[in-house]
């Protein structure tokens, strides 16, 4: 879905604000997405599937 939106909007944005402005918008959206993920997604490195299952069932990431 995101690829479709980028393919649809990129030519329109290039015509409206130029190529630099278009890339800037997509960079800002990408960085915002990374910040959102780093703030709200739990770390799963080094955990077993059973530990992850227990955490998601209890809703407590500190289990």
Protein backbone atom coordinates (compact mmCIF):
# COMPACT_ATOMS: atom_id res chain seq x y z
CA UNK A 1 0.00 0.00 0.00
CA UNK A 2 2.81 2.40 0.87
CA UNK A 3 4.62 1.63 -2.42
CA UNK A 4 1.39 2.40 -4.28
CA UNK A 5 1.03 5.75 -2.47
CA UNK A 6 4.65 6.71 -3.12
CA UNK A 7 4.32 5.80 -6.80
CA UNK A 8 1.10 7.78 -7.02
CA UNK A 9 2.21 10.86 -5.09
CA UNK A 10 5.85 11.24 -6.14
CA UNK A 11 5.23 12.60 -9.65
CA UNK A 12 2.57 14.97 -8.32
CA UNK A 13 4.89 16.25 -5.59
CA UNK A 14 7.76 16.71 -8.04
CA UNK A 15 5.51 18.88 -10.22
CA UNK A 16 4.28 20.91 -7.23
CA UNK A 17 7.39 21.45 -5.10
CA UNK A 18 10.33 20.03 -7.04
CA UNK A 19 12.43 16.94 -6.55
CA UNK A 20 14.34 18.19 -3.49
CA UNK A 21 11.15 19.05 -1.62
CA UNK A 22 9.62 15.71 -2.55
CA UNK A 23 12.58 13.76 -1.19
CA UNK A 24 12.59 15.93 1.93
CA UNK A 25 8.95 15.04 2.65
CA UNK A 26 9.63 11.32 2.28
CA UNK A 27 12.76 11.57 4.45
CA UNK A 28 10.79 13.32 7.20
CA UNK A 29 8.09 10.64 7.04
CA UNK A 30 10.72 7.87 7.15
CA UNK A 31 12.53 9.37 10.14
CA UNK A 32 9.18 9.85 11.89
CA UNK A 33 8.39 6.20 11.28
CA UNK A 34 11.71 5.11 12.73
CA UNK A 35 11.20 7.27 15.82
CA UNK A 36 7.72 5.81 16.28
CA UNK A 37 9.04 2.26 16.00
CA UNK A 38 11.90 2.85 18.41
CA UNK A 39 9.53 4.36 20.97
CA UNK A 40 6.58 1.94 20.78
CA UNK A 41 7.84 -1.44 19.56
CA UNK A 42 9.17 -3.83 22.20
CA UNK A 43 12.70 -5.21 21.94
CA UNK A 44 12.66 -8.94 21.17
CA UNK A 45 16.39 -9.60 20.80
CA UNK A 46 17.60 -12.53 22.90
CA UNK A 47 14.13 -13.64 24.00
CA UNK A 48 12.55 -17.01 23.32
CA UNK A 49 9.19 -17.39 21.67
CA UNK A 50 7.76 -18.52 25.01
CA UNK A 51 8.97 -15.34 26.72
CA UNK A 52 7.49 -13.22 23.96
CA UNK A 53 4.19 -15.07 24.18
CA UNK A 54 4.05 -14.50 27.95
CA UNK A 55 4.82 -10.80 27.53
CA UNK A 56 2.17 -10.26 24.90
CA UNK A 57 -0.45 -12.21 26.83
CA UNK A 58 0.17 -10.27 30.03
CA UNK A 59 0.63 -6.92 28.31
CA UNK A 60 3.66 -6.27 30.53
CA UNK A 61 6.97 -5.88 28.62
CA UNK A 62 9.00 -6.37 31.80
CA UNK A 63 8.03 -10.05 32.30
